[in-house]
């Protein structure tokens, strides 16, 4: 889950599992996993590590800055995210990315090989271009 706004602390127990949350002081932005163990990179990024029989899986959960945020804050977020995604984990682990990317993906011909042509929007926003470049 992303953008979780509860005020009762950062961990809620539910049987043998926990809802882990990290967010800012205004109870905004938080990312949440319902699991036994979670690691937080920042208010906007968290991940879980799943040990597999044939391979290990990293599930990253992120909440990207919205389009209204400054280009500087979006750039900083993407630089941190890129370096963390590519250099923090071994290359052979499977990585699954989830989250709220705050993007609009359009139908521009240049992005069709990556995102296809059945998109809701006509044009990408700046954040959409950043995510498509990352995926490419």
N, C-alpha and C. Protein backbone atom coordinates (compact mmCIF):
# COMPACT_ATOMS: atom_id res chain seq x y z
N UNK A 1 0.85 -1.18 0.00
CA UNK A 1 0.00 0.00 0.00
C UNK A 1 0.89 1.23 0.00
N UNK A 2 0.37 2.31 -0.52
CA UNK A 2 1.08 3.57 -0.53
C UNK A 2 0.17 4.66 0.03
N UNK A 3 0.80 5.74 0.47
CA UNK A 3 0.11 6.93 0.95
C UNK A 3 -0.83 6.61 2.12
N UNK A 4 -0.31 5.84 3.07
CA UNK A 4 -1.08 5.42 4.23
C UNK A 4 -1.02 6.51 5.29
N UNK A 5 -2.16 6.88 5.87
CA UNK A 5 -2.21 8.04 6.75
C UNK A 5 -2.78 7.69 8.12
N UNK A 6 -2.23 6.71 8.80
CA UNK A 6 -2.73 6.46 10.14
C UNK A 6 -1.87 7.14 11.17
N UNK A 7 -2.45 7.41 12.32
CA UNK A 7 -1.76 8.19 13.35
C UNK A 7 -1.32 7.36 14.55
N UNK A 8 -1.59 6.06 14.58
CA UNK A 8 -1.35 5.25 15.77
C UNK A 8 0.03 4.62 15.82
N UNK A 9 1.01 5.18 15.19
CA UNK A 9 2.34 4.59 15.23
C UNK A 9 2.67 3.93 13.92
N UNK A 10 3.81 3.26 13.92
CA UNK A 10 4.32 2.73 12.67
C UNK A 10 4.11 1.23 12.48
N UNK A 11 3.64 0.53 13.49
CA UNK A 11 3.42 -0.91 13.37
C UNK A 11 2.09 -1.28 14.00
N UNK A 12 1.30 -2.06 13.29
CA UNK A 12 0.04 -2.57 13.82
C UNK A 12 0.06 -4.08 13.69
N UNK A 13 -0.20 -4.77 14.79
CA UNK A 13 -0.19 -6.24 14.77
C UNK A 13 -1.53 -6.77 14.27
N UNK A 14 -1.46 -7.81 13.43
CA UNK A 14 -2.66 -8.49 12.93
C UNK A 14 -2.36 -9.99 12.95
N UNK A 15 -2.62 -10.65 14.07
CA UNK A 15 -2.28 -12.06 14.21
C UNK A 15 -0.78 -12.23 14.29
N UNK A 16 -0.22 -13.12 13.46
CA UNK A 16 1.22 -13.35 13.43
C UNK A 16 1.95 -12.36 12.53
N UNK A 17 1.20 -11.50 11.85
CA UNK A 17 1.79 -10.57 10.90
C UNK A 17 1.64 -9.14 11.40
N UNK A 18 2.29 -8.22 10.69
CA UNK A 18 2.26 -6.82 11.07
C UNK A 18 2.03 -5.96 9.83
N UNK A 19 1.38 -4.83 10.03
CA UNK A 19 1.37 -3.77 9.04
C UNK A 19 2.51 -2.86 9.43
N UNK A 20 3.52 -2.75 8.58
CA UNK A 20 4.65 -1.87 8.84
C UNK A 20 4.47 -0.63 7.98
N UNK A 21 4.65 0.51 8.57
CA UNK A 21 4.47 1.76 7.86
C UNK A 21 5.58 2.73 8.22
N UNK A 22 5.99 3.50 7.24
CA UNK A 22 6.87 4.63 7.50
C UNK A 22 6.34 5.78 6.66
N UNK A 23 6.22 6.94 7.28
CA UNK A 23 5.75 8.12 6.57
C UNK A 23 6.34 9.35 7.23
N UNK A 24 5.88 10.51 6.83
CA UNK A 24 6.42 11.72 7.42
C UNK A 24 5.64 12.12 8.67
N UNK A 25 6.01 13.24 9.28
CA UNK A 25 5.40 13.68 10.54
C UNK A 25 3.94 14.07 10.38
N UNK A 26 3.51 14.38 9.17
CA UNK A 26 2.12 14.76 8.91
C UNK A 26 1.25 13.55 8.57
N UNK A 27 1.78 12.35 8.79
CA UNK A 27 1.07 11.10 8.51
C UNK A 27 0.71 11.00 7.03
N UNK A 28 1.64 11.38 6.16
CA UNK A 28 1.45 11.29 4.72
C UNK A 28 2.57 10.45 4.12
N UNK A 29 2.40 10.07 2.89
CA UNK A 29 3.41 9.43 2.04
C UNK A 29 3.70 7.98 2.36
N UNK A 30 3.35 7.46 3.48
CA UNK A 30 3.83 6.17 3.93
C UNK A 30 3.61 5.03 2.96
N UNK A 31 4.56 4.10 2.94
CA UNK A 31 4.40 2.84 2.23
C UNK A 31 4.24 1.75 3.27
N UNK A 32 3.43 0.72 2.97
CA UNK A 32 3.09 -0.31 3.95
C UNK A 32 3.23 -1.69 3.33
N UNK A 33 3.71 -2.63 4.12
CA UNK A 33 3.66 -4.05 3.79
C UNK A 33 2.95 -4.77 4.92
N UNK A 34 2.18 -5.79 4.58
CA UNK A 34 1.55 -6.66 5.56
C UNK A 34 2.38 -7.94 5.56
N UNK A 35 3.30 -8.04 6.52
CA UNK A 35 4.28 -9.12 6.50
C UNK A 35 4.89 -9.28 7.88
N UNK A 36 5.91 -10.09 8.00
CA UNK A 36 6.61 -10.25 9.27
C UNK A 36 7.82 -9.33 9.37
N UNK A 37 8.48 -9.02 8.25
CA UNK A 37 9.67 -8.16 8.27
C UNK A 37 9.65 -7.25 7.04
N UNK A 38 9.96 -5.99 7.24
CA UNK A 38 10.05 -5.04 6.14
C UNK A 38 11.23 -4.10 6.39
N UNK A 39 11.85 -3.61 5.33
CA UNK A 39 12.95 -2.66 5.44
C UNK A 39 12.51 -1.36 4.79
N UNK A 40 12.80 -0.23 5.46
CA UNK A 40 12.44 1.08 4.93
C UNK A 40 13.69 1.78 4.42
N UNK A 41 13.61 2.27 3.20
CA UNK A 41 14.69 3.05 2.60
C UNK A 41 14.46 4.52 2.94
N UNK A 42 13.20 4.97 2.86
CA UNK A 42 12.82 6.35 3.14
C UNK A 42 11.32 6.39 3.41
N UNK A 43 10.79 7.60 3.57
CA UNK A 43 9.34 7.76 3.72
C UNK A 43 8.61 7.26 2.48
N UNK A 44 9.28 7.27 1.36
CA UNK A 44 8.65 6.94 0.09
C UNK A 44 9.03 5.57 -0.47
N UNK A 45 9.90 4.83 0.21
CA UNK A 45 10.37 3.57 -0.32
C UNK A 45 10.55 2.52 0.78
N UNK A 46 10.06 1.32 0.51
CA UNK A 46 10.29 0.19 1.41
C UNK A 46 10.39 -1.07 0.57
N UNK A 47 10.88 -2.15 1.20
CA UNK A 47 10.99 -3.41 0.46
C UNK A 47 10.93 -4.58 1.42
N UNK A 48 10.57 -5.73 0.85
CA UNK A 48 10.64 -6.99 1.59
C UNK A 48 11.53 -7.94 0.79
N UNK A 49 12.14 -8.84 1.50
CA UNK A 49 13.04 -9.84 0.92
C UNK A 49 12.39 -11.20 1.13
N UNK A 50 12.11 -11.90 0.04
CA UNK A 50 11.48 -13.22 0.11
C UNK A 50 12.48 -14.27 -0.34
N UNK A 51 12.78 -15.20 0.55
CA UNK A 51 13.72 -16.27 0.19
C UNK A 51 12.96 -17.33 -0.60
N UNK A 52 13.49 -17.65 -1.77
CA UNK A 52 12.88 -18.66 -2.61
C UNK A 52 13.76 -19.88 -2.73
N UNK A 53 13.19 -20.95 -3.23
CA UNK A 53 13.95 -22.19 -3.40
C UNK A 53 14.96 -22.05 -4.54
N UNK A 54 14.52 -21.49 -5.66
CA UNK A 54 15.41 -21.34 -6.82
C UNK A 54 16.01 -19.93 -6.93
N UNK A 55 15.30 -18.93 -6.43
CA UNK A 55 15.85 -17.57 -6.44
C UNK A 55 15.19 -16.77 -5.33
N UNK A 56 15.83 -15.70 -4.94
CA UNK A 56 15.27 -14.80 -3.94
C UNK A 56 14.56 -13.67 -4.66
N UNK A 57 13.55 -13.12 -4.00
CA UNK A 57 12.72 -12.07 -4.61
C UNK A 57 12.75 -10.84 -3.72
N UNK A 58 12.98 -9.70 -4.34
CA UNK A 58 12.90 -8.41 -3.67
C UNK A 58 11.65 -7.72 -4.18
N UNK A 59 10.75 -7.33 -3.27
CA UNK A 59 9.55 -6.59 -3.65
C UNK A 59 9.72 -5.17 -3.13
N UNK A 60 9.88 -4.23 -4.06
CA UNK A 60 10.05 -2.82 -3.72
C UNK A 60 8.71 -2.11 -3.84
N UNK A 61 8.41 -1.27 -2.85
CA UNK A 61 7.18 -0.50 -2.81
C UNK A 61 7.57 0.97 -2.75
N UNK A 62 7.09 1.77 -3.70
CA UNK A 62 7.49 3.17 -3.72
C UNK A 62 6.32 4.10 -3.98
N UNK A 63 6.44 5.31 -3.48
CA UNK A 63 5.46 6.36 -3.71
C UNK A 63 6.21 7.57 -4.24
N UNK A 64 6.16 7.76 -5.54
CA UNK A 64 6.93 8.83 -6.20
C UNK A 64 6.32 10.19 -5.94
N UNK A 65 7.12 11.25 -5.99
CA UNK A 65 6.59 12.61 -5.84
C UNK A 65 5.57 12.92 -6.94
N UNK A 66 4.56 13.70 -6.61
CA UNK A 66 3.54 14.05 -7.58
C UNK A 66 4.07 15.06 -8.58
N UNK A 67 3.31 15.27 -9.65
CA UNK A 67 3.72 16.15 -10.74
C UNK A 67 3.94 17.58 -10.26
N UNK A 68 3.23 18.01 -9.21
CA UNK A 68 3.33 19.38 -8.72
C UNK A 68 4.63 19.65 -7.97
N UNK A 69 5.33 18.61 -7.55
CA UNK A 69 6.59 18.79 -6.82
C UNK A 69 7.66 19.34 -7.76
N UNK A 70 8.69 19.91 -7.18
CA UNK A 70 9.75 20.51 -7.99
C UNK A 70 10.51 19.45 -8.77
N UNK A 71 11.08 19.87 -9.90
CA UNK A 71 11.90 18.96 -10.70
C UNK A 71 13.07 18.45 -9.88
N UNK A 72 13.59 19.28 -8.98
CA UNK A 72 14.71 18.89 -8.13
C UNK A 72 14.32 17.72 -7.22
N UNK A 73 13.14 17.81 -6.57
CA UNK A 73 12.73 16.73 -5.66
C UNK A 73 12.44 15.45 -6.43
N UNK A 74 11.87 15.56 -7.63
CA UNK A 74 11.62 14.36 -8.45
C UNK A 74 12.95 13.76 -8.92
N UNK A 75 13.89 14.62 -9.29
CA UNK A 75 15.20 14.13 -9.72
C UNK A 75 15.95 13.43 -8.60
N UNK A 76 15.91 14.00 -7.42
CA UNK A 76 16.57 13.39 -6.25
C UNK A 76 15.95 12.03 -5.96
N UNK A 77 14.62 11.97 -5.97
CA UNK A 77 13.93 10.70 -5.72
C UNK A 77 14.36 9.64 -6.73
N UNK A 78 14.37 9.98 -8.01
CA UNK A 78 14.73 9.01 -9.03
C UNK A 78 16.19 8.59 -8.94
N UNK A 79 17.09 9.50 -8.59
CA UNK A 79 18.50 9.13 -8.43
C UNK A 79 18.67 8.16 -7.27
N UNK A 80 18.00 8.45 -6.14
CA UNK A 80 18.08 7.54 -4.99
C UNK A 80 17.49 6.19 -5.36
N UNK A 81 16.33 6.22 -6.00
CA UNK A 81 15.66 4.99 -6.38
C UNK A 81 16.52 4.17 -7.34
N UNK A 82 17.04 4.80 -8.39
CA UNK A 82 17.87 4.09 -9.37
C UNK A 82 19.09 3.46 -8.72
N UNK A 83 19.80 4.22 -7.90
CA UNK A 83 21.01 3.67 -7.28
C UNK A 83 20.65 2.55 -6.32
N UNK A 84 19.57 2.70 -5.58
CA UNK A 84 19.16 1.64 -4.65
C UNK A 84 18.74 0.40 -5.41
N UNK A 85 17.92 0.56 -6.43
CA UNK A 85 17.39 -0.57 -7.19
C UNK A 85 18.51 -1.36 -7.85
N UNK A 86 19.47 -0.67 -8.45
CA UNK A 86 20.50 -1.36 -9.22
C UNK A 86 21.72 -1.79 -8.41
N UNK A 87 22.04 -1.10 -7.33
CA UNK A 87 23.30 -1.37 -6.65
C UNK A 87 23.18 -1.93 -5.24
N UNK A 88 22.02 -1.87 -4.65
CA UNK A 88 21.87 -2.35 -3.28
C UNK A 88 21.70 -3.87 -3.21
N UNK A 89 21.08 -4.47 -4.22
CA UNK A 89 20.79 -5.90 -4.22
C UNK A 89 21.65 -6.63 -5.23
N UNK A 90 21.93 -7.90 -4.99
CA UNK A 90 22.65 -8.68 -6.00
C UNK A 90 21.87 -8.70 -7.31
N UNK A 91 22.57 -8.70 -8.41
CA UNK A 91 21.95 -8.63 -9.72
C UNK A 91 21.06 -9.83 -10.02
N UNK A 92 21.37 -10.99 -9.47
CA UNK A 92 20.64 -12.21 -9.80
C UNK A 92 19.33 -12.36 -9.03
N UNK A 93 19.03 -11.50 -8.05
CA UNK A 93 17.74 -11.58 -7.38
C UNK A 93 16.64 -11.05 -8.29
N UNK A 94 15.47 -11.68 -8.23
CA UNK A 94 14.33 -11.17 -8.97
C UNK A 94 13.81 -9.93 -8.24
N UNK A 95 13.49 -8.88 -8.99
CA UNK A 95 12.99 -7.65 -8.38
C UNK A 95 11.61 -7.35 -8.93
N UNK A 96 10.67 -7.11 -8.03
CA UNK A 96 9.31 -6.74 -8.40
C UNK A 96 9.07 -5.34 -7.86
N UNK A 97 8.59 -4.48 -8.71
CA UNK A 97 8.38 -3.08 -8.36
C UNK A 97 6.89 -2.79 -8.30
N UNK A 98 6.44 -2.26 -7.17
CA UNK A 98 5.05 -1.83 -7.02
C UNK A 98 5.03 -0.40 -6.56
N UNK A 99 3.89 0.24 -6.69
CA UNK A 99 3.81 1.56 -6.11
C UNK A 99 2.90 2.52 -6.83
N UNK A 100 2.90 3.70 -6.30
CA UNK A 100 2.18 4.83 -6.87
C UNK A 100 3.23 5.72 -7.50
N UNK A 101 3.30 5.70 -8.82
CA UNK A 101 4.35 6.42 -9.53
C UNK A 101 3.93 7.84 -9.89
N UNK A 102 2.66 8.19 -9.67
CA UNK A 102 2.15 9.53 -10.01
C UNK A 102 2.49 9.90 -11.44
N UNK A 103 2.21 9.00 -12.37
CA UNK A 103 2.57 9.21 -13.76
C UNK A 103 1.34 9.27 -14.66
N UNK A 104 1.55 9.87 -15.79
CA UNK A 104 0.62 9.77 -16.91
C UNK A 104 1.44 9.21 -18.06
N UNK A 105 1.05 8.05 -18.54
CA UNK A 105 1.73 7.44 -19.66
C UNK A 105 0.88 7.65 -20.90
N UNK A 106 1.46 8.26 -21.90
CA UNK A 106 0.74 8.60 -23.11
C UNK A 106 0.96 7.62 -24.24
N UNK A 107 0.56 8.06 -25.42
CA UNK A 107 0.61 7.21 -26.60
C UNK A 107 1.69 7.62 -27.59
N UNK A 108 2.72 8.32 -27.13
CA UNK A 108 3.77 8.74 -28.04
C UNK A 108 4.45 7.52 -28.68
N UNK A 109 4.74 7.62 -29.95
CA UNK A 109 5.33 6.50 -30.69
C UNK A 109 6.65 6.04 -30.09
N UNK A 110 7.44 6.97 -29.58
CA UNK A 110 8.76 6.62 -29.07
C UNK A 110 8.69 5.66 -27.87
N UNK A 111 7.59 5.71 -27.11
CA UNK A 111 7.46 4.87 -25.91
C UNK A 111 6.65 3.60 -26.13
N UNK A 112 6.09 3.40 -27.31
CA UNK A 112 5.24 2.23 -27.57
C UNK A 112 5.94 0.89 -27.30
N UNK A 113 7.22 0.73 -27.66
CA UNK A 113 7.85 -0.57 -27.36
C UNK A 113 7.87 -0.90 -25.86
N UNK A 114 7.87 0.12 -25.01
CA UNK A 114 7.94 -0.11 -23.57
C UNK A 114 6.56 -0.18 -22.93
N UNK A 115 5.66 0.74 -23.30
CA UNK A 115 4.36 0.84 -22.60
C UNK A 115 3.18 0.43 -23.45
N UNK A 116 3.37 0.17 -24.73
CA UNK A 116 2.26 -0.21 -25.59
C UNK A 116 1.49 1.01 -26.07
N UNK A 117 0.33 0.77 -26.67
CA UNK A 117 -0.44 1.89 -27.24
C UNK A 117 -1.81 2.05 -26.61
N UNK A 118 -2.19 1.21 -25.69
CA UNK A 118 -3.52 1.28 -25.07
C UNK A 118 -3.44 2.01 -23.75
N UNK A 119 -3.16 3.31 -23.81
CA UNK A 119 -3.01 4.10 -22.60
C UNK A 119 -4.15 5.10 -22.48
N UNK A 120 -4.45 5.47 -21.26
CA UNK A 120 -5.54 6.39 -20.99
C UNK A 120 -5.24 7.80 -21.47
N UNK A 121 -4.02 8.24 -21.34
CA UNK A 121 -3.65 9.63 -21.65
C UNK A 121 -3.05 9.74 -23.04
N UNK A 122 -3.16 10.92 -23.60
CA UNK A 122 -2.57 11.18 -24.91
C UNK A 122 -1.07 11.43 -24.80
N UNK A 123 -0.66 12.16 -23.76
CA UNK A 123 0.75 12.53 -23.58
C UNK A 123 1.25 12.08 -22.21
N UNK A 124 2.57 11.86 -22.12
CA UNK A 124 3.22 11.57 -20.84
C UNK A 124 3.38 12.86 -20.05
N UNK A 125 3.42 12.73 -18.71
CA UNK A 125 3.91 13.86 -17.92
C UNK A 125 5.39 13.61 -17.63
N UNK A 126 6.03 14.55 -16.97
CA UNK A 126 7.47 14.46 -16.69
C UNK A 126 7.81 13.19 -15.91
N UNK A 127 7.00 12.85 -14.92
CA UNK A 127 7.26 11.66 -14.12
C UNK A 127 7.09 10.40 -14.97
N UNK A 128 6.13 10.42 -15.87
CA UNK A 128 5.95 9.28 -16.77
C UNK A 128 7.17 9.04 -17.64
N UNK A 129 7.75 10.11 -18.15
CA UNK A 129 8.97 9.99 -18.96
C UNK A 129 10.10 9.40 -18.13
N UNK A 130 10.23 9.85 -16.88
CA UNK A 130 11.29 9.33 -16.01
C UNK A 130 11.11 7.82 -15.76
N UNK A 131 9.88 7.40 -15.51
CA UNK A 131 9.63 5.98 -15.23
C UNK A 131 9.85 5.13 -16.50
N UNK A 132 9.39 5.62 -17.63
CA UNK A 132 9.60 4.88 -18.88
C UNK A 132 11.10 4.76 -19.18
N UNK A 133 11.85 5.82 -18.98
CA UNK A 133 13.30 5.75 -19.18
C UNK A 133 13.93 4.74 -18.24
N UNK A 134 13.47 4.71 -17.00
CA UNK A 134 13.99 3.72 -16.05
C UNK A 134 13.66 2.30 -16.52
N UNK A 135 12.43 2.08 -16.93
CA UNK A 135 12.00 0.74 -17.37
C UNK A 135 12.76 0.30 -18.63
N UNK A 136 13.01 1.25 -19.50
CA UNK A 136 13.74 0.93 -20.72
C UNK A 136 15.17 0.55 -20.41
